[in-house]
């Protein structure tokens, strides 16, 4: 799914400038990704040859506009380190579950659009349909290939939702609806 989205809307996303960083609450700094994860990433068109694990710091949390954890226990650990990060810290699947309900801010740059989406997603967190227990992505570390496949089956669709949201938002900016902007598509509604 993510590959199809990338092929159909990559130019729109490529115009956006995002800094994406990875850090773990239990990571051993400098470790490489496991061979299974490297192979999964390769099949998805991502190279992890230069990847090195980093330990999550309070400064990284404070400077992030959006923090996506793989499961609720990691999300809780982030918020324990920096409690003020609560409203911008989600699990990836939680954010993917809520984001389609968030209208993209019209007339905003991509970074402003995403900042407002984080605020609006935080406001919708308690009202969003779905089972919060399904928001976790299984941790495949030192586990079987089957668990790695399960993780991929959870991670890729969630990432695809985020990519599709941005592709749709960018397309709406490029091709506004006839008669001007939709007054119902404003932050806070």
C-alpha atoms as a PDB file:
ATOM      1  CA  UNK A   1       0.000   0.000   0.000  1.00  0.00           C
ATOM      2  CA  UNK A   2       2.711   2.512   0.948  1.00  0.00           C
ATOM      3  CA  UNK A   3       4.613   1.765  -2.264  1.00  0.00           C
ATOM      4  CA  UNK A   4       1.505   2.495  -4.365  1.00  0.00           C
ATOM      5  CA  UNK A   5       0.932   5.747  -2.499  1.00  0.00           C
ATOM      6  CA  UNK A   6       4.536   6.759  -2.973  1.00  0.00           C
ATOM      7  CA  UNK A   7       4.347   6.041  -6.693  1.00  0.00           C
ATOM      8  CA  UNK A   8       1.110   7.992  -7.136  1.00  0.00           C
ATOM      9  CA  UNK A   9       1.916  10.991  -4.952  1.00  0.00           C
ATOM     10  CA  UNK A  10       5.631  11.071  -4.287  1.00  0.00           C
ATOM     11  CA  UNK A  11       6.125  14.364  -6.124  1.00  0.00           C
ATOM     12  CA  UNK A  12       3.676  16.052  -3.746  1.00  0.00           C
ATOM     13  CA  UNK A  13       5.400  14.625  -0.699  1.00  0.00           C
ATOM     14  CA  UNK A  14       8.857  15.338  -2.074  1.00  0.00           C
ATOM     15  CA  UNK A  15       8.012  19.040  -2.034  1.00  0.00           C
ATOM     16  CA  UNK A  16       7.606  18.834   1.746  1.00  0.00           C
ATOM     17  CA  UNK A  17      10.653  19.149   3.928  1.00  0.00           C
ATOM     18  CA  UNK A  18      10.467  16.985   7.016  1.00  0.00           C
ATOM     19  CA  UNK A  19      13.194  15.874   9.359  1.00  0.00           C
ATOM     20  CA  UNK A  20      12.455  12.344  10.539  1.00  0.00           C
ATOM     21  CA  UNK A  21      14.573  10.903  13.304  1.00  0.00           C
ATOM     22  CA  UNK A  22      14.560   7.590  15.066  1.00  0.00           C
ATOM     23  CA  UNK A  23      15.484   7.011  18.697  1.00  0.00           C
ATOM     24  CA  UNK A  24      14.561   4.370  21.214  1.00  0.00           C
ATOM     25  CA  UNK A  25      13.762   4.361  24.895  1.00  0.00           C
ATOM     26  CA  UNK A  26      15.798   1.156  25.323  1.00  0.00           C
ATOM     27  CA  UNK A  27      18.155   1.511  22.359  1.00  0.00           C
ATOM     28  CA  UNK A  28      21.847   0.792  22.634  1.00  0.00           C
ATOM     29  CA  UNK A  29      23.460   3.720  20.856  1.00  0.00           C
ATOM     30  CA  UNK A  30      25.369   2.696  17.748  1.00  0.00           C
ATOM     31  CA  UNK A  31      23.652  -0.658  17.195  1.00  0.00           C
ATOM     32  CA  UNK A  32      22.706  -1.556  13.636  1.00  0.00           C
ATOM     33  CA  UNK A  33      19.257  -2.734  12.625  1.00  0.00           C
ATOM     34  CA  UNK A  34      18.769  -6.484  12.773  1.00  0.00           C
ATOM     35  CA  UNK A  35      19.225  -8.474   9.546  1.00  0.00           C
ATOM     36  CA  UNK A  36      15.470  -9.180   9.389  1.00  0.00           C
ATOM     37  CA  UNK A  37      14.607  -5.470   9.626  1.00  0.00           C
ATOM     38  CA  UNK A  38      17.270  -4.550   7.070  1.00  0.00           C
ATOM     39  CA  UNK A  39      15.787  -7.092   4.645  1.00  0.00           C
ATOM     40  CA  UNK A  40      12.206  -5.887   5.218  1.00  0.00           C
ATOM     41  CA  UNK A  41      13.291  -2.295   4.633  1.00  0.00           C
ATOM     42  CA  UNK A  42      15.196  -3.297   1.489  1.00  0.00           C
ATOM     43  CA  UNK A  43      12.071  -4.974   0.081  1.00  0.00           C
ATOM     44  CA  UNK A  44      10.180  -1.732   0.761  1.00  0.00           C
ATOM     45  CA  UNK A  45      12.823   0.315  -1.041  1.00  0.00           C
ATOM     46  CA  UNK A  46      14.537   1.727   2.057  1.00  0.00           C
ATOM     47  CA  UNK A  47      18.215   1.340   2.825  1.00  0.00           C
ATOM     48  CA  UNK A  48      19.208   0.941   6.463  1.00  0.00           C
ATOM     49  CA  UNK A  49      22.904   0.368   5.803  1.00  0.00           C
ATOM     50  CA  UNK A  50      23.815   3.664   7.495  1.00  0.00           C
ATOM     51  CA  UNK A  51      21.267   3.300  10.317  1.00  0.00           C
ATOM     52  CA  UNK A  52      22.591   3.373  13.877  1.00  0.00           C
ATOM     53  CA  UNK A  53      20.416   3.252  16.966  1.00  0.00           C
ATOM     54  CA  UNK A  54      20.185   6.311  19.185  1.00  0.00           C
ATOM     55  CA  UNK A  55      18.924   6.611  22.728  1.00  0.00           C
ATOM     56  CA  UNK A  56      15.965   8.987  23.091  1.00  0.00           C
ATOM     57  CA  UNK A  57      16.748  12.179  24.993  1.00  0.00           C
ATOM     58  CA  UNK A  58      14.591  14.841  26.616  1.00  0.00           C
ATOM     59  CA  UNK A  59      15.999  17.403  24.168  1.00  0.00           C
ATOM     60  CA  UNK A  60      14.903  15.311  21.167  1.00  0.00           C
ATOM     61  CA  UNK A  61      11.405  15.092  22.642  1.00  0.00           C
ATOM     62  CA  UNK A  62      11.231  18.829  23.372  1.00  0.00           C
ATOM     63  CA  UNK A  63      12.322  19.741  19.831  1.00  0.00           C
ATOM     64  CA  UNK A  64       9.915  17.380  18.019  1.00  0.00           C
ATOM     65  CA  UNK A  65       6.644  18.598  16.531  1.00  0.00           C
ATOM     66  CA  UNK A  66       5.258  15.052  16.438  1.00  0.00           C
ATOM     67  CA  UNK A  67       6.425  11.928  18.243  1.00  0.00           C
ATOM     68  CA  UNK A  68       5.273   8.551  16.965  1.00  0.00           C
ATOM     69  CA  UNK A  69       5.918   5.581  19.223  1.00  0.00           C
ATOM     70  CA  UNK A  70       5.507   1.983  18.179  1.00  0.00           C
ATOM     71  CA  UNK A  71       3.354   1.042  21.161  1.00  0.00           C
ATOM     72  CA  UNK A  72       1.572   2.546  24.154  1.00  0.00           C
ATOM     73  CA  UNK A  73       4.335   1.621  26.599  1.00  0.00           C
ATOM     74  CA  UNK A  74       6.879   3.571  24.520  1.00  0.00           C
ATOM     75  CA  UNK A  75       4.436   6.469  24.229  1.00  0.00           C
ATOM     76  CA  UNK A  76       4.094   6.446  28.029  1.00  0.00           C
ATOM     77  CA  UNK A  77       7.888   6.407  28.411  1.00  0.00           C
ATOM     78  CA  UNK A  78       8.197   9.483  26.178  1.00  0.00           C
ATOM     79  CA  UNK A  79       5.580  11.347  28.203  1.00  0.00           C
ATOM     80  CA  UNK A  80       7.249  10.300  31.439  1.00  0.00           C
ATOM     81  CA  UNK A  81      10.514  11.888  30.237  1.00  0.00           C
ATOM     82  CA  UNK A  82       8.795  15.101  29.061  1.00  0.00           C
ATOM     83  CA  UNK A  83       5.186  15.362  30.327  1.00  0.00           C
ATOM     84  CA  UNK A  84       4.564  18.447  28.155  1.00  0.00           C
ATOM     85  CA  UNK A  85       4.881  16.190  25.089  1.00  0.00           C
ATOM     86  CA  UNK A  86       1.599  14.396  25.854  1.00  0.00           C
ATOM     87  CA  UNK A  87      -0.472  16.212  23.217  1.00  0.00           C
ATOM     88  CA  UNK A  88       2.015  15.580  20.403  1.00  0.00           C
ATOM     89  CA  UNK A  89       2.920  11.999  21.269  1.00  0.00           C
ATOM     90  CA  UNK A  90       0.948   9.154  19.701  1.00  0.00           C
ATOM     91  CA  UNK A  91       1.541   5.612  18.673  1.00  0.00           C
ATOM     92  CA  UNK A  92       1.941   5.402  14.904  1.00  0.00           C
ATOM     93  CA  UNK A  93      -1.226   3.360  14.537  1.00  0.00           C
ATOM     94  CA  UNK A  94      -3.159   5.687  16.858  1.00  0.00           C
ATOM     95  CA  UNK A  95      -2.158   8.708  14.788  1.00  0.00           C
ATOM     96  CA  UNK A  96      -3.043   6.805  11.589  1.00  0.00           C
ATOM     97  CA  UNK A  97      -6.454   5.954  13.098  1.00  0.00           C
ATOM     98  CA  UNK A  98      -7.179   9.601  13.997  1.00  0.00           C
ATOM     99  CA  UNK A  99      -5.549  11.516  11.114  1.00  0.00           C
ATOM    100  CA  UNK A 100      -8.198  10.727   8.449  1.00  0.00           C
ATOM    101  CA  UNK A 101     -10.720  12.555  10.683  1.00  0.00           C
ATOM    102  CA  UNK A 102      -8.522  15.676  10.738  1.00  0.00           C
ATOM    103  CA  UNK A 103      -9.142  18.249   8.017  1.00  0.00           C
ATOM    104  CA  UNK A 104      -5.983  19.594   6.404  1.00  0.00           C
ATOM    105  CA  UNK A 105      -5.509  23.288   7.007  1.00  0.00           C
ATOM    106  CA  UNK A 106      -6.087  25.069   3.703  1.00  0.00           C
ATOM    107  CA  UNK A 107      -3.591  27.616   2.476  1.00  0.00           C
ATOM    108  CA  UNK A 108      -0.928  26.434   4.905  1.00  0.00           C
ATOM    109  CA  UNK A 109       2.554  25.248   4.088  1.00  0.00           C
ATOM    110  CA  UNK A 110       3.145  21.526   4.536  1.00  0.00           C
ATOM    111  CA  UNK A 111       4.942  22.007   7.849  1.00  0.00           C
ATOM    112  CA  UNK A 112       2.167  24.285   9.185  1.00  0.00           C
ATOM    113  CA  UNK A 113      -0.457  21.829   7.898  1.00  0.00           C
ATOM    114  CA  UNK A 114       1.208  18.992   9.825  1.00  0.00           C
ATOM    115  CA  UNK A 115       1.629  21.083  12.984  1.00  0.00           C
ATOM    116  CA  UNK A 116      -2.085  21.895  12.966  1.00  0.00           C
ATOM    117  CA  UNK A 117      -2.934  18.249  12.248  1.00  0.00           C
ATOM    118  CA  UNK A 118      -1.051  17.219  15.394  1.00  0.00           C
ATOM    119  CA  UNK A 119      -3.031  19.714  17.487  1.00  0.00           C
ATOM    120  CA  UNK A 120      -6.336  18.607  15.991  1.00  0.00           C
ATOM    121  CA  UNK A 121      -5.477  14.906  16.312  1.00  0.00           C
ATOM    122  CA  UNK A 122      -4.702  15.475  19.993  1.00  0.00           C
ATOM    123  CA  UNK A 123      -8.143  17.020  20.446  1.00  0.00           C
ATOM    124  CA  UNK A 124      -9.808  14.051  18.743  1.00  0.00           C
ATOM    125  CA  UNK A 125      -7.836  11.379  20.596  1.00  0.00           C
ATOM    126  CA  UNK A 126     -10.554  10.511  23.111  1.00  0.00           C
ATOM    127  CA  UNK A 127     -13.368  10.670  20.521  1.00  0.00           C
ATOM    128  CA  UNK A 128     -11.689   8.650  17.787  1.00  0.00           C
ATOM    129  CA  UNK A 129     -13.321   5.355  16.935  1.00  0.00           C
ATOM    130  CA  UNK A 130     -11.308   2.209  17.355  1.00  0.00           C
ATOM    131  CA  UNK A 131      -9.779   0.057  20.028  1.00  0.00           C
ATOM    132  CA  UNK A 132      -6.704   1.674  21.640  1.00  0.00           C
ATOM    133  CA  UNK A 133      -5.320  -1.833  22.245  1.00  0.00           C
ATOM    134  CA  UNK A 134      -5.014  -2.142  18.455  1.00  0.00           C
ATOM    135  CA  UNK A 135      -2.748   0.915  18.373  1.00  0.00           C
ATOM    136  CA  UNK A 136       0.366  -1.071  19.274  1.00  0.00           C
ATOM    137  CA  UNK A 137       2.867  -2.414  16.757  1.00  0.00           C
ATOM    138  CA  UNK A 138       4.421  -5.671  17.857  1.00  0.00           C
ATOM    139  CA  UNK A 139       8.111  -5.439  18.784  1.00  0.00           C
ATOM    140  CA  UNK A 140       9.957  -7.981  16.633  1.00  0.00           C
ATOM    141  CA  UNK A 141      13.337  -7.605  18.360  1.00  0.00           C
ATOM    142  CA  UNK A 142      14.972 -11.041  18.705  1.00  0.00           C
ATOM    143  CA  UNK A 143      11.755 -12.737  17.579  1.00  0.00           C
ATOM    144  CA  UNK A 144      10.737 -14.955  14.690  1.00  0.00           C
ATOM    145  CA  UNK A 145      10.296 -14.089  11.033  1.00  0.00           C
ATOM    146  CA  UNK A 146       6.534 -14.465  11.579  1.00  0.00           C
ATOM    147  CA  UNK A 147       6.621 -11.671  14.163  1.00  0.00           C
ATOM    148  CA  UNK A 148       8.628  -9.527  11.747  1.00  0.00           C
ATOM    149  CA  UNK A 149       5.938 -10.109   9.102  1.00  0.00           C
ATOM    150  CA  UNK A 150       3.271  -9.173  11.664  1.00  0.00           C
ATOM    151  CA  UNK A 151       5.150  -5.961  12.476  1.00  0.00           C
ATOM    152  CA  UNK A 152       5.431  -5.116   8.773  1.00  0.00           C
ATOM    153  CA  UNK A 153       1.713  -5.765   8.332  1.00  0.00           C
ATOM    154  CA  UNK A 154       0.997  -3.251  11.087  1.00  0.00           C
ATOM    155  CA  UNK A 155       3.631  -0.639  10.251  1.00  0.00           C
ATOM    156  CA  UNK A 156       3.255  -0.314   6.483  1.00  0.00           C
ATOM    157  CA  UNK A 157      -0.521   0.363   6.373  1.00  0.00           C
ATOM    158  CA  UNK A 158      -0.261   2.911   9.208  1.00  0.00           C
ATOM    159  CA  UNK A 159       2.544   4.727   7.417  1.00  0.00           C
ATOM    160  CA  UNK A 160       0.493   4.573   4.229  1.00  0.00           C
ATOM    161  CA  UNK A 161      -2.377   6.405   5.940  1.00  0.00           C
ATOM    162  CA  UNK A 162      -0.054   9.287   6.849  1.00  0.00           C
ATOM    163  CA  UNK A 163       1.370   9.429   3.329  1.00  0.00           C
ATOM    164  CA  UNK A 164      -2.099   9.322   1.774  1.00  0.00           C
ATOM    165  CA  UNK A 165      -3.298  12.139   4.052  1.00  0.00           C
ATOM    166  CA  UNK A 166      -0.434  14.350   2.859  1.00  0.00           C
ATOM    167  CA  UNK A 167      -0.928  13.400  -0.801  1.00  0.00           C
ATOM    168  CA  UNK A 168      -4.636  14.282  -0.526  1.00  0.00           C
ATOM    169  CA  UNK A 169      -3.939  17.542   1.331  1.00  0.00           C
ATOM    170  CA  UNK A 170      -1.311  18.605  -1.201  1.00  0.00           C
ATOM    171  CA  UNK A 171      -3.628  17.720  -4.093  1.00  0.00           C
ATOM    172  CA  UNK A 172      -6.475  19.738  -2.542  1.00  0.00           C
ATOM    173  CA  UNK A 173      -4.143  22.743  -2.311  1.00  0.00           C
ATOM    174  CA  UNK A 174      -3.060  22.311  -5.897  1.00  0.00           C
ATOM    175  CA  UNK A 175      -6.599  21.688  -7.212  1.00  0.00           C
ATOM    176  CA  UNK A 176      -9.063  23.520  -4.897  1.00  0.00           C
ATOM    177  CA  UNK A 177     -12.752  22.649  -5.186  1.00  0.00           C
ATOM    178  CA  UNK A 178     -14.862  24.741  -7.583  1.00  0.00           C
ATOM    179  CA  UNK A 179     -16.135  27.933  -5.981  1.00  0.00           C
ATOM    180  CA  UNK A 180     -13.255  28.329  -3.529  1.00  0.00           C
ATOM    181  CA  UNK A 181     -12.269  26.737  -0.258  1.00  0.00           C
ATOM    182  CA  UNK A 182     -14.675  24.533   1.633  1.00  0.00           C
ATOM    183  CA  UNK A 183     -15.673  26.514   4.755  1.00  0.00           C
ATOM    184  CA  UNK A 184     -16.072  23.254   6.660  1.00  0.00           C
ATOM    185  CA  UNK A 185     -12.409  22.397   6.190  1.00  0.00           C
ATOM    186  CA  UNK A 186     -10.885  24.633   8.824  1.00  0.00           C
ATOM    187  CA  UNK A 187      -8.901  23.651  11.929  1.00  0.00           C
ATOM    188  CA  UNK A 188     -11.079  23.314  14.988  1.00  0.00           C
ATOM    189  CA  UNK A 189     -14.134  22.015  13.146  1.00  0.00           C
END
